[in-house]
PDB file of N, CA and C in Angstrom:
ATOM      1  N   UNK A   1     -28.072   1.978   4.892  1.00  0.00           N
ATOM      2  CA  UNK A   1     -28.011   1.313   6.444  1.00  0.00           C
ATOM      3  C   UNK A   1     -29.510   0.534   6.533  1.00  0.00           C
ATOM      4  N   UNK A   2     -30.402   1.165   5.844  1.00  0.00           N
ATOM      5  CA  UNK A   2     -31.642   0.518   6.064  1.00  0.00           C
ATOM      6  C   UNK A   2     -31.708  -0.952   5.250  1.00  0.00           C
ATOM      7  N   UNK A   3     -30.887  -1.181   4.224  1.00  0.00           N
ATOM      8  CA  UNK A   3     -30.787  -2.453   3.806  1.00  0.00           C
ATOM      9  C   UNK A   3     -30.052  -3.471   4.474  1.00  0.00           C
ATOM     10  N   UNK A   4     -29.037  -2.964   5.482  1.00  0.00           N
ATOM     11  CA  UNK A   4     -28.330  -3.772   5.972  1.00  0.00           C
ATOM     12  C   UNK A   4     -29.407  -4.280   7.344  1.00  0.00           C
ATOM     13  N   UNK A   5     -30.157  -3.377   7.910  1.00  0.00           N
ATOM     14  CA  UNK A   5     -31.073  -3.985   8.803  1.00  0.00           C
ATOM     15  C   UNK A   5     -32.136  -4.788   8.509  1.00  0.00           C
ATOM     16  N   UNK A   6     -32.493  -4.941   7.155  1.00  0.00           N
ATOM     17  CA  UNK A   6     -33.260  -5.590   6.462  1.00  0.00           C
ATOM     18  C   UNK A   6     -32.713  -6.976   6.523  1.00  0.00           C
ATOM     19  N   UNK A   7     -31.490  -6.950   6.175  1.00  0.00           N
ATOM     20  CA  UNK A   7     -30.634  -8.202   6.335  1.00  0.00           C
ATOM     21  C   UNK A   7     -30.523  -8.821   7.885  1.00  0.00           C
ATOM     22  N   UNK A   8     -30.413  -8.107   8.545  1.00  0.00           N
ATOM     23  CA  UNK A   8     -30.249  -8.461  10.143  1.00  0.00           C
ATOM     24  C   UNK A   8     -31.640  -9.048  10.308  1.00  0.00           C
ATOM     25  N   UNK A   9     -32.733  -8.596  10.148  1.00  0.00           N
ATOM     26  CA  UNK A   9     -34.141  -9.195  10.302  1.00  0.00           C
ATOM     27  C   UNK A   9     -34.246 -10.295   9.789  1.00  0.00           C
ATOM     28  N   UNK A  10     -34.005 -10.429   8.508  1.00  0.00           N
ATOM     29  CA  UNK A  10     -34.194 -11.550   7.563  1.00  0.00           C
ATOM     30  C   UNK A  10     -33.492 -12.853   8.106  1.00  0.00           C
ATOM     31  N   UNK A  11     -32.241 -12.536   8.569  1.00  0.00           N
ATOM     32  CA  UNK A  11     -31.398 -13.528   9.083  1.00  0.00           C
ATOM     33  C   UNK A  11     -31.559 -13.706  10.629  1.00  0.00           C
ATOM     34  N   UNK A  12     -32.317 -13.076  11.166  1.00  0.00           N
ATOM     35  CA  UNK A  12     -32.297 -13.291  12.732  1.00  0.00           C
ATOM     36  C   UNK A  12     -31.051 -13.031  13.510  1.00  0.00           C
ATOM     37  N   UNK A  13     -30.401 -12.059  13.127  1.00  0.00           N
ATOM     38  CA  UNK A  13     -29.065 -11.778  13.737  1.00  0.00           C
ATOM     39  C   UNK A  13     -29.149 -11.259  15.121  1.00  0.00           C
ATOM     40  N   UNK A  14     -28.182 -11.847  16.018  1.00  0.00           N
ATOM     41  CA  UNK A  14     -28.131 -11.252  17.460  1.00  0.00           C
ATOM     42  C   UNK A  14     -27.304  -9.856  17.367  1.00  0.00           C
ATOM     43  N   UNK A  15     -27.110  -9.228  18.426  1.00  0.00           N
ATOM     44  CA  UNK A  15     -26.209  -8.011  18.343  1.00  0.00           C
ATOM     45  C   UNK A  15     -24.909  -8.232  17.953  1.00  0.00           C
ATOM     46  N   UNK A  16     -24.279  -9.230  18.503  1.00  0.00           N
ATOM     47  CA  UNK A  16     -22.794  -9.316  18.054  1.00  0.00           C
ATOM     48  C   UNK A  16     -22.591  -9.784  16.791  1.00  0.00           C
ATOM     49  N   UNK A  17     -23.480 -10.511  16.295  1.00  0.00           N
ATOM     50  CA  UNK A  17     -23.617 -10.893  14.820  1.00  0.00           C
ATOM     51  C   UNK A  17     -23.757  -9.815  13.784  1.00  0.00           C
ATOM     52  N   UNK A  18     -24.756  -8.798  14.318  1.00  0.00           N
ATOM     53  CA  UNK A  18     -25.056  -7.504  13.518  1.00  0.00           C
ATOM     54  C   UNK A  18     -23.814  -6.788  13.301  1.00  0.00           C
ATOM     55  N   UNK A  19     -23.075  -6.671  14.515  1.00  0.00           N
ATOM     56  CA  UNK A  19     -21.916  -5.984  14.157  1.00  0.00           C
ATOM     57  C   UNK A  19     -20.969  -6.624  13.238  1.00  0.00           C
ATOM     58  N   UNK A  20     -20.513  -7.806  13.372  1.00  0.00           N
ATOM     59  CA  UNK A  20     -19.585  -8.565  12.360  1.00  0.00           C
ATOM     60  C   UNK A  20     -20.472  -8.480  10.798  1.00  0.00           C
ATOM     61  N   UNK A  21     -21.675  -8.631  10.649  1.00  0.00           N
ATOM     62  CA  UNK A  21     -22.175  -8.848   9.152  1.00  0.00           C
ATOM     63  C   UNK A  21     -22.364  -7.374   8.778  1.00  0.00           C
ATOM     64  N   UNK A  22     -22.659  -6.332   9.701  1.00  0.00           N
ATOM     65  CA  UNK A  22     -22.815  -4.937   9.596  1.00  0.00           C
ATOM     66  C   UNK A  22     -21.745  -4.297   8.656  1.00  0.00           C
ATOM     67  N   UNK A  23     -20.468  -4.807   9.457  1.00  0.00           N
ATOM     68  CA  UNK A  23     -19.131  -4.220   9.197  1.00  0.00           C
ATOM     69  C   UNK A  23     -18.653  -4.851   7.707  1.00  0.00           C
ATOM     70  N   UNK A  24     -19.201  -5.917   7.483  1.00  0.00           N
ATOM     71  CA  UNK A  24     -18.753  -6.611   6.248  1.00  0.00           C
ATOM     72  C   UNK A  24     -19.524  -6.217   5.035  1.00  0.00           C
ATOM     73  N   UNK A  25     -20.877  -5.872   5.360  1.00  0.00           N
ATOM     74  CA  UNK A  25     -21.821  -5.406   4.274  1.00  0.00           C
ATOM     75  C   UNK A  25     -21.443  -3.922   3.889  1.00  0.00           C
ATOM     76  N   UNK A  26     -21.203  -3.115   4.789  1.00  0.00           N
ATOM     77  CA  UNK A  26     -20.913  -1.725   4.561  1.00  0.00           C
ATOM     78  C   UNK A  26     -19.343  -1.591   3.941  1.00  0.00           C
ATOM     79  N   UNK A  27     -18.775  -2.550   4.181  1.00  0.00           N
ATOM     80  CA  UNK A  27     -17.239  -2.345   3.619  1.00  0.00           C
ATOM     81  C   UNK A  27     -17.293  -2.853   2.207  1.00  0.00           C
ATOM     82  N   UNK A  28     -18.080  -3.656   1.841  1.00  0.00           N
ATOM     83  CA  UNK A  28     -18.274  -4.038   0.174  1.00  0.00           C
ATOM     84  C   UNK A  28     -19.081  -2.969  -0.342  1.00  0.00           C
ATOM     85  N   UNK A  29     -20.110  -2.276   0.370  1.00  0.00           N
ATOM     86  CA  UNK A  29     -20.760  -0.967  -0.519  1.00  0.00           C
ATOM     87  C   UNK A  29     -19.898   0.098  -0.515  1.00  0.00           C
ATOM     88  N   UNK A  30     -19.024   0.201   0.518  1.00  0.00           N
ATOM     89  CA  UNK A  30     -17.823   1.383   0.302  1.00  0.00           C
ATOM     90  C   UNK A  30     -16.915   0.979  -0.823  1.00  0.00           C
ATOM     91  N   UNK A  31     -16.657  -0.302  -1.199  1.00  0.00           N
ATOM     92  CA  UNK A  31     -15.569  -0.689  -2.203  1.00  0.00           C
ATOM     93  C   UNK A  31     -16.355  -0.297  -3.410  1.00  0.00           C
ATOM     94  N   UNK A  32     -17.593  -0.878  -3.487  1.00  0.00           N
ATOM     95  CA  UNK A  32     -18.429  -0.502  -4.759  1.00  0.00           C
ATOM     96  C   UNK A  32     -18.383   1.048  -4.919  1.00  0.00           C
ATOM     97  N   UNK A  33     -18.706   1.850  -3.880  1.00  0.00           N
ATOM     98  CA  UNK A  33     -18.641   3.321  -4.178  1.00  0.00           C
ATOM     99  C   UNK A  33     -17.428   3.893  -4.653  1.00  0.00           C
ATOM    100  N   UNK A  34     -16.149   3.448  -4.105  1.00  0.00           N
ATOM    101  CA  UNK A  34     -14.985   3.786  -4.397  1.00  0.00           C
ATOM    102  C   UNK A  34     -14.601   3.314  -5.919  1.00  0.00           C
ATOM    103  N   UNK A  35     -15.100   2.287  -6.467  1.00  0.00           N
ATOM    104  CA  UNK A  35     -14.716   2.035  -7.659  1.00  0.00           C
ATOM    105  C   UNK A  35     -15.327   2.809  -8.762  1.00  0.00           C
ATOM    106  N   UNK A  36     -16.567   3.172  -8.332  1.00  0.00           N
ATOM    107  CA  UNK A  36     -17.469   3.911  -9.069  1.00  0.00           C
ATOM    108  C   UNK A  36     -16.750   5.445  -9.137  1.00  0.00           C
ATOM    109  N   UNK A  37     -16.366   6.066  -8.000  1.00  0.00           N
ATOM    110  CA  UNK A  37     -15.745   7.155  -7.919  1.00  0.00           C
ATOM    111  C   UNK A  37     -14.438   7.379  -8.806  1.00  0.00           C
ATOM    112  N   UNK A  38     -13.610   6.300  -8.745  1.00  0.00           N
ATOM    113  CA  UNK A  38     -12.515   6.136  -9.431  1.00  0.00           C
ATOM    114  C   UNK A  38     -12.750   6.077 -11.065  1.00  0.00           C
ATOM    115  N   UNK A  39     -13.886   5.591 -11.462  1.00  0.00           N
ATOM    116  CA  UNK A  39     -14.106   5.409 -12.753  1.00  0.00           C
ATOM    117  C   UNK A  39     -14.696   6.873 -13.362  1.00  0.00           C
ATOM    118  N   UNK A  40     -15.490   7.510 -12.510  1.00  0.00           N
ATOM    119  CA  UNK A  40     -15.988   8.936 -12.609  1.00  0.00           C
ATOM    120  C   UNK A  40     -15.065  10.057 -12.833  1.00  0.00           C
ATOM    121  N   UNK A  41     -13.887   9.931 -11.902  1.00  0.00           N
ATOM    122  CA  UNK A  41     -12.772  11.014 -12.028  1.00  0.00           C
ATOM    123  C   UNK A  41     -11.684  10.453 -12.775  1.00  0.00           C
ATOM    124  N   UNK A  42     -11.616   9.241 -13.471  1.00  0.00           N
ATOM    125  CA  UNK A  42     -10.497   9.101 -14.147  1.00  0.00           C
ATOM    126  C   UNK A  42      -9.249   8.949 -13.645  1.00  0.00           C
ATOM    127  N   UNK A  43      -9.108   8.079 -12.825  1.00  0.00           N
ATOM    128  CA  UNK A  43      -7.804   8.025 -12.099  1.00  0.00           C
ATOM    129  C   UNK A  43      -7.162   6.742 -12.167  1.00  0.00           C
ATOM    130  N   UNK A  44      -7.496   6.110 -13.247  1.00  0.00           N
ATOM    131  CA  UNK A  44      -6.927   4.625 -13.669  1.00  0.00           C
ATOM    132  C   UNK A  44      -5.362   4.875 -13.717  1.00  0.00           C
ATOM    133  N   UNK A  45      -4.446   4.364 -12.743  1.00  0.00           N
ATOM    134  CA  UNK A  45      -3.033   4.069 -12.626  1.00  0.00           C
ATOM    135  C   UNK A  45      -2.606   5.392 -11.937  1.00  0.00           C
ATOM    136  N   UNK A  46      -3.477   6.152 -11.315  1.00  0.00           N
ATOM    137  CA  UNK A  46      -2.771   7.577 -10.509  1.00  0.00           C
ATOM    138  C   UNK A  46      -3.182   7.108  -9.342  1.00  0.00           C
ATOM    139  N   UNK A  47      -1.921   7.467  -8.615  1.00  0.00           N
ATOM    140  CA  UNK A  47      -2.139   7.543  -7.175  1.00  0.00           C
ATOM    141  C   UNK A  47      -3.117   8.791  -6.489  1.00  0.00           C
ATOM    142  N   UNK A  48      -4.128   8.240  -5.741  1.00  0.00           N
ATOM    143  CA  UNK A  48      -5.055   9.179  -5.095  1.00  0.00           C
ATOM    144  C   UNK A  48      -4.587   9.744  -4.015  1.00  0.00           C
ATOM    145  N   UNK A  49      -4.425  10.893  -3.742  1.00  0.00           N
ATOM    146  CA  UNK A  49      -3.910  11.794  -2.578  1.00  0.00           C
ATOM    147  C   UNK A  49      -5.217  11.783  -1.824  1.00  0.00           C
ATOM    148  N   UNK A  50      -4.987  11.930  -0.255  1.00  0.00           N
ATOM    149  CA  UNK A  50      -5.994  12.117   0.608  1.00  0.00           C
ATOM    150  C   UNK A  50      -7.057  13.239   0.275  1.00  0.00           C
ATOM    151  N   UNK A  51      -6.614  14.262  -0.213  1.00  0.00           N
ATOM    152  CA  UNK A  51      -7.448  15.374  -0.389  1.00  0.00           C
ATOM    153  C   UNK A  51      -8.579  15.014  -1.423  1.00  0.00           C
ATOM    154  N   UNK A  52      -8.017  14.234  -2.729  1.00  0.00           N
ATOM    155  CA  UNK A  52      -9.177  13.749  -3.442  1.00  0.00           C
ATOM    156  C   UNK A  52     -10.038  12.729  -2.754  1.00  0.00           C
ATOM    157  N   UNK A  53      -9.717  11.938  -1.976  1.00  0.00           N
ATOM    158  CA  UNK A  53     -10.383  10.796  -1.637  1.00  0.00           C
ATOM    159  C   UNK A  53     -11.279  11.453  -0.683  1.00  0.00           C
ATOM    160  N   UNK A  54     -10.881  12.541   0.310  1.00  0.00           N
ATOM    161  CA  UNK A  54     -11.944  13.241   1.243  1.00  0.00           C
ATOM    162  C   UNK A  54     -12.947  13.791   0.550  1.00  0.00           C
ATOM    163  N   UNK A  55     -12.535  14.761  -0.579  1.00  0.00           N
ATOM    164  CA  UNK A  55     -13.623  15.479  -1.451  1.00  0.00           C
ATOM    165  C   UNK A  55     -14.423  14.494  -1.875  1.00  0.00           C
ATOM    166  N   UNK A  56     -14.296  13.507  -2.294  1.00  0.00           N
ATOM    167  CA  UNK A  56     -15.050  12.526  -2.948  1.00  0.00           C
ATOM    168  C   UNK A  56     -16.127  11.926  -1.963  1.00  0.00           C
ATOM    169  N   UNK A  57     -15.460  11.666  -0.766  1.00  0.00           N
ATOM    170  CA  UNK A  57     -16.075  10.947   0.356  1.00  0.00           C
ATOM    171  C   UNK A  57     -17.373  11.767   0.758  1.00  0.00           C
ATOM    172  N   UNK A  58     -16.715  12.981   0.904  1.00  0.00           N
ATOM    173  CA  UNK A  58     -17.812  13.985   1.667  1.00  0.00           C
ATOM    174  C   UNK A  58     -18.961  14.219   0.504  1.00  0.00           C
ATOM    175  N   UNK A  59     -18.676  14.269  -0.687  1.00  0.00           N
ATOM    176  CA  UNK A  59     -19.846  14.250  -1.567  1.00  0.00           C
ATOM    177  C   UNK A  59     -20.690  13.487  -1.503  1.00  0.00           C
ATOM    178  N   UNK A  60     -20.591  12.304  -1.190  1.00  0.00           N
ATOM    179  CA  UNK A  60     -21.602  11.054  -0.940  1.00  0.00           C
ATOM    180  C   UNK A  60     -22.355  11.475   0.022  1.00  0.00           C
TER     181      UNK A  60
END
Protein backbone atom coordinates (compact mmCIF):
# COMPACT_ATOMS: atom_id res chain seq x y z
CA UNK A 1 0.00 0.00 0.00
CA UNK A 2 2.88 2.37 0.75
CA UNK A 3 4.19 1.84 -2.78
CA UNK A 4 0.81 2.77 -4.22
CA UNK A 5 0.79 6.01 -2.23
CA UNK A 6 4.30 6.81 -3.47
CA UNK A 7 3.02 6.41 -7.03
CA UNK A 8 0.08 8.74 -6.24
CA UNK A 9 2.42 11.41 -4.95
CA UNK A 10 4.86 11.09 -7.85
CA UNK A 11 2.04 11.38 -10.38
CA UNK A 12 0.16 14.14 -8.55
CA UNK A 13 -3.04 12.06 -8.54
CA UNK A 14 -6.37 13.56 -7.50
CA UNK A 15 -8.75 11.63 -5.23
CA UNK A 16 -10.71 10.20 -8.15
CA UNK A 17 -7.56 9.18 -10.02
CA UNK A 18 -6.17 7.56 -6.87
CA UNK A 19 -9.13 5.19 -6.76
CA UNK A 20 -8.75 4.22 -10.40
CA UNK A 21 -4.98 3.81 -10.33
CA UNK A 22 -4.94 2.18 -6.90
CA UNK A 23 -7.45 -0.45 -7.99
CA UNK A 24 -5.38 -1.24 -11.06
CA UNK A 25 -2.06 -1.43 -9.20
CA UNK A 26 -3.43 -3.62 -6.42
CA UNK A 27 -5.11 -5.89 -8.94
CA UNK A 28 -1.75 -6.40 -10.64
CA UNK A 29 -0.07 -7.15 -7.30
CA UNK A 30 -2.81 -9.65 -6.46
CA UNK A 31 -2.29 -11.36 -9.81
CA UNK A 32 1.45 -11.69 -9.19
CA UNK A 33 0.74 -13.02 -5.67
CA UNK A 34 -1.69 -15.64 -6.99
CA UNK A 35 0.72 -16.86 -9.67
CA UNK A 36 3.35 -17.29 -6.97
CA UNK A 37 0.93 -19.25 -4.77
CA UNK A 38 0.00 -21.57 -7.64
CA UNK A 39 3.67 -22.29 -8.31
CA UNK A 40 4.33 -22.92 -4.62
CA UNK A 41 1.41 -25.30 -4.06
CA UNK A 42 1.78 -27.02 -7.44
CA UNK A 43 -1.72 -26.70 -8.84
CA UNK A 44 -0.89 -26.46 -12.53
CA UNK A 45 -3.92 -27.75 -14.43
CA UNK A 46 -5.90 -28.42 -11.24
CA UNK A 47 -9.08 -26.58 -10.31
CA UNK A 48 -8.64 -24.48 -7.18
CA UNK A 49 -11.48 -24.81 -4.71
CA UNK A 50 -12.51 -21.81 -2.67
CA UNK A 51 -11.12 -23.30 0.55
CA UNK A 52 -7.60 -23.51 -0.92
CA UNK A 53 -7.80 -19.98 -2.28
CA UNK A 54 -9.08 -18.64 1.04
CA UNK A 55 -6.41 -20.49 3.03
CA UNK A 56 -3.63 -19.10 0.85
CA UNK A 57 -5.09 -15.60 0.86
CA UNK A 58 -5.31 -15.55 4.65
CA UNK A 59 -1.68 -16.71 4.89
CA UNK A 60 -0.67 -13.54 3.06
